[in-house]
Amino acid sequence: MQAITRAQKALLFLLIVFVTGLCLPGAKLVPVINATSSDWNSDTFWYEPWGISGVHKGVDIFAEKGTDVISPSHGLVLYTGEIRQGGRVVIILAAKWRIHYFAHLNHISTHAGSYLFSEEKIGSVGDSGNAAGKQPHLHYSVLSLVPYFWRIDSSSQGWKKMFYLNPLDYF
């Protein structure tokens, strides 16, 4: 019987990590405290035309400025900071190899490299970035690192649907 090589062990380890990530349960939780379905428009996911990005790849949850934003799932904070369009943003890698993107925050309560538990505060609703001067809201997107090829369609940027998931399906 042959011994397992170092490369085979590394590949097996990566496979176990990948499968474990897919098996972790994802929470079904609205990331804005006390938000209800009347606080968002369910037709805005993949709405076009939508500014520079062309298609709105998330949902905007409206709330008073300063309302707590919480993590809908356990996850590793990959990035906190400011970007031009999103303003103050937090990006979390969570269960099922999904990226959760939170934009237009008023302030950020976490930092890159930290591990968050479901319902842990990540910041507050704001109007930063290209939401300046508009009603405070959280722009929330969910992206899958594992492509869902069957979701591709002929709509504008329809090939990106294999990665962008409708956040409302997780509330």
Protein backbone atom coordinates (compact mmCIF):
# COMPACT_ATOMS: atom_id res chain seq x y z
CA MET A 1 0.00 0.00 0.00
CA GLN A 2 1.37 3.40 -0.99
CA ALA A 3 1.81 6.19 1.52
CA ILE A 4 -0.21 9.35 0.99
CA THR A 5 1.99 12.15 -0.31
CA ARG A 6 2.18 15.61 1.24
CA ALA A 7 0.35 17.06 -1.79
CA GLN A 8 -2.45 14.51 -1.46
CA LYS A 9 -2.80 15.32 2.25
CA ALA A 10 -3.00 19.04 1.46
CA LEU A 11 -5.62 18.42 -1.22
CA LEU A 12 -7.65 16.23 1.14
CA PHE A 13 -7.45 18.92 3.84
CA LEU A 14 -8.69 21.59 1.38
CA LEU A 15 -11.51 19.33 0.27
CA ILE A 16 -12.59 18.77 3.88
CA VAL A 17 -12.49 22.52 4.56
CA PHE A 18 -14.52 23.24 1.41
CA VAL A 19 -17.18 20.62 2.14
CA THR A 20 -17.40 21.70 5.79
CA GLY A 21 -18.01 25.29 4.69
CA LEU A 22 -20.83 24.15 2.42
CA CYS A 23 -22.43 22.14 5.22
CA LEU A 24 -22.47 24.91 7.82
CA PRO A 25 -26.01 26.15 8.40
CA GLY A 26 -26.79 29.67 7.25
CA ALA A 27 -29.09 31.81 9.36
CA LYS A 28 -32.32 33.37 8.13
CA LEU A 29 -32.16 36.79 9.70
CA VAL A 30 -32.80 40.37 8.59
CA PRO A 31 -29.56 42.27 9.28
CA VAL A 32 -31.28 45.50 10.43
CA ILE A 33 -32.76 45.43 13.94
CA ASN A 34 -36.58 45.56 13.95
CA ALA A 35 -36.83 45.78 10.14
CA THR A 36 -39.94 44.32 8.54
CA SER A 37 -40.91 43.64 4.93
CA SER A 38 -42.34 47.16 4.71
CA ASP A 39 -38.77 48.53 5.08
CA TRP A 40 -37.59 47.27 1.67
CA ASN A 41 -38.91 46.90 -1.86
CA SER A 42 -38.80 43.24 -2.85
CA ASP A 43 -38.56 44.18 -6.55
CA THR A 44 -35.19 45.97 -6.28
CA PHE A 45 -32.98 42.88 -6.49
CA TRP A 46 -31.66 42.81 -10.04
CA TYR A 47 -33.53 46.02 -10.87
CA GLU A 48 -32.23 48.07 -13.78
CA PRO A 49 -31.17 50.65 -14.74
CA TRP A 50 -29.32 51.30 -11.49
CA GLY A 51 -26.56 53.87 -11.45
CA ILE A 52 -22.97 53.05 -12.36
CA SER A 53 -23.37 49.32 -11.65
CA GLY A 54 -26.24 49.05 -14.16
CA VAL A 55 -28.13 46.46 -12.12
CA HIS A 56 -29.00 46.59 -8.40
CA LYS A 57 -27.46 43.40 -7.03
CA GLY A 58 -28.83 43.60 -3.51
CA VAL A 59 -31.63 45.00 -1.41
CA ASP A 60 -31.86 48.34 0.39
CA ILE A 61 -33.30 48.12 3.90
CA PHE A 62 -34.48 51.52 5.11
CA ALA A 63 -34.26 52.51 8.78
CA GLU A 64 -33.45 55.46 10.98
CA LYS A 65 -29.82 56.54 10.88
CA GLY A 66 -27.96 54.79 13.68
CA THR A 67 -30.18 51.67 13.78
CA ASP A 68 -28.06 48.61 14.59
CA VAL A 69 -26.93 46.35 11.75
CA ILE A 70 -26.23 42.77 12.83
CA SER A 71 -24.54 39.79 11.27
CA PRO A 72 -27.15 37.40 9.87
CA SER A 73 -24.75 34.47 10.22
CA HIS A 74 -21.54 33.39 11.89
CA GLY A 75 -18.60 34.53 9.83
CA LEU A 76 -15.13 35.96 9.39
CA VAL A 77 -14.85 39.69 8.75
CA LEU A 78 -12.76 40.04 5.58
CA TYR A 79 -12.89 43.83 5.18
CA THR A 80 -14.02 46.97 6.95
CA GLY A 81 -13.45 50.40 5.52
CA GLU A 82 -14.60 52.92 2.96
CA ILE A 83 -15.13 52.62 -0.76
CA ARG A 84 -16.44 55.28 -3.12
CA GLN A 85 -19.88 53.91 -3.97
CA GLY A 86 -20.61 51.88 -0.84
CA GLY A 87 -19.24 54.36 1.67
CA ARG A 88 -18.51 52.60 4.96
CA VAL A 89 -18.70 48.87 4.26
CA VAL A 90 -18.24 45.52 5.97
CA ILE A 91 -17.62 42.28 4.10
CA ILE A 92 -18.09 38.94 5.87
CA LEU A 93 -17.31 35.39 4.72
CA ALA A 94 -20.06 33.18 6.14
CA ALA A 95 -21.54 29.69 5.89
CA LYS A 96 -21.83 27.97 2.52
CA TRP A 97 -18.91 30.08 1.21
CA ARG A 98 -21.10 33.15 0.90
CA ILE A 99 -19.92 36.74 1.06
CA HIS A 100 -22.23 39.16 2.88
CA TYR A 101 -21.74 42.80 1.84
CA PHE A 102 -23.08 45.65 3.99
CA ALA A 103 -22.84 49.20 2.59
CA HIS A 104 -23.75 52.83 3.44
CA LEU A 105 -23.07 52.27 7.16
CA ASN A 106 -23.03 55.22 9.53
CA HIS A 107 -20.33 53.60 11.64
CA ILE A 108 -18.56 50.24 11.81
CA SER A 109 -18.40 48.26 15.08
CA THR A 110 -16.08 45.44 14.00
CA HIS A 111 -12.72 45.02 12.29
CA ALA A 112 -11.14 42.83 9.64
CA GLY A 113 -9.97 39.48 10.96
CA SER A 114 -12.57 39.23 13.71
CA TYR A 115 -15.03 36.37 13.92
CA LEU A 116 -18.68 37.31 14.37
CA PHE A 117 -21.53 35.26 15.70
CA SER A 118 -25.05 35.47 14.35
CA GLU A 119 -26.86 38.60 15.63
CA GLU A 120 -23.60 40.30 16.66
CA LYS A 121 -23.51 44.03 15.88
CA ILE A 122 -21.39 45.06 12.89
CA GLY A 123 -22.36 48.72 12.65
CA SER A 124 -25.30 51.03 12.10
CA VAL A 125 -27.52 52.19 9.23
CA GLY A 126 -26.32 55.32 7.50
CA ASP A 127 -26.07 57.25 4.26
CA SER A 128 -22.38 57.05 3.40
CA GLY A 129 -20.95 56.68 -0.10
CA ASN A 130 -23.29 57.32 -2.99
CA ALA A 131 -26.23 57.28 -0.55
CA ALA A 132 -25.20 60.69 0.83
CA GLY A 133 -28.19 63.00 0.94
CA LYS A 134 -30.63 60.10 0.49
CA GLN A 135 -32.78 58.32 3.06
CA PRO A 136 -30.56 56.25 5.42
CA HIS A 137 -30.50 52.57 4.51
CA LEU A 138 -28.38 49.44 4.48
CA HIS A 139 -27.47 48.06 1.07
CA TYR A 140 -27.18 44.29 1.61
CA SER A 141 -25.85 41.81 -0.95
CA VAL A 142 -25.09 38.09 -0.77
CA LEU A 143 -22.58 36.52 -3.15
CA SER A 144 -21.73 32.85 -3.50
CA LEU A 145 -18.10 31.87 -4.05
CA VAL A 146 -19.44 28.61 -5.45
CA PRO A 147 -21.03 29.39 -8.85
CA TYR A 148 -24.67 28.40 -9.43
CA PHE A 149 -24.43 28.00 -13.21
CA TRP A 150 -28.13 27.14 -13.60
CA ARG A 151 -29.06 30.67 -12.45
CA ILE A 152 -27.53 32.35 -15.51
CA ASP A 153 -30.12 34.01 -17.73
CA SER A 154 -30.38 36.48 -20.61
CA SER A 155 -31.11 39.57 -18.48
CA SER A 156 -28.59 42.40 -18.25
CA GLN A 157 -25.47 41.02 -16.56
CA GLY A 158 -27.41 37.74 -16.24
CA TRP A 159 -24.18 35.74 -16.12
CA LYS A 160 -23.48 37.35 -12.71
CA LYS A 161 -26.60 35.70 -11.27
CA MET A 162 -24.51 32.59 -10.76
CA PHE A 163 -22.78 34.50 -7.94
CA TYR A 164 -25.29 37.10 -6.68
CA LEU A 165 -28.09 35.63 -4.60
CA ASN A 166 -31.31 37.43 -3.71
CA PRO A 167 -30.87 38.42 -0.02
CA LEU A 168 -34.63 38.32 0.50
CA ASP A 169 -34.49 34.54 0.11
CA TYR A 170 -32.52 34.46 3.40
CA PHE A 171 -34.93 36.49 5.56
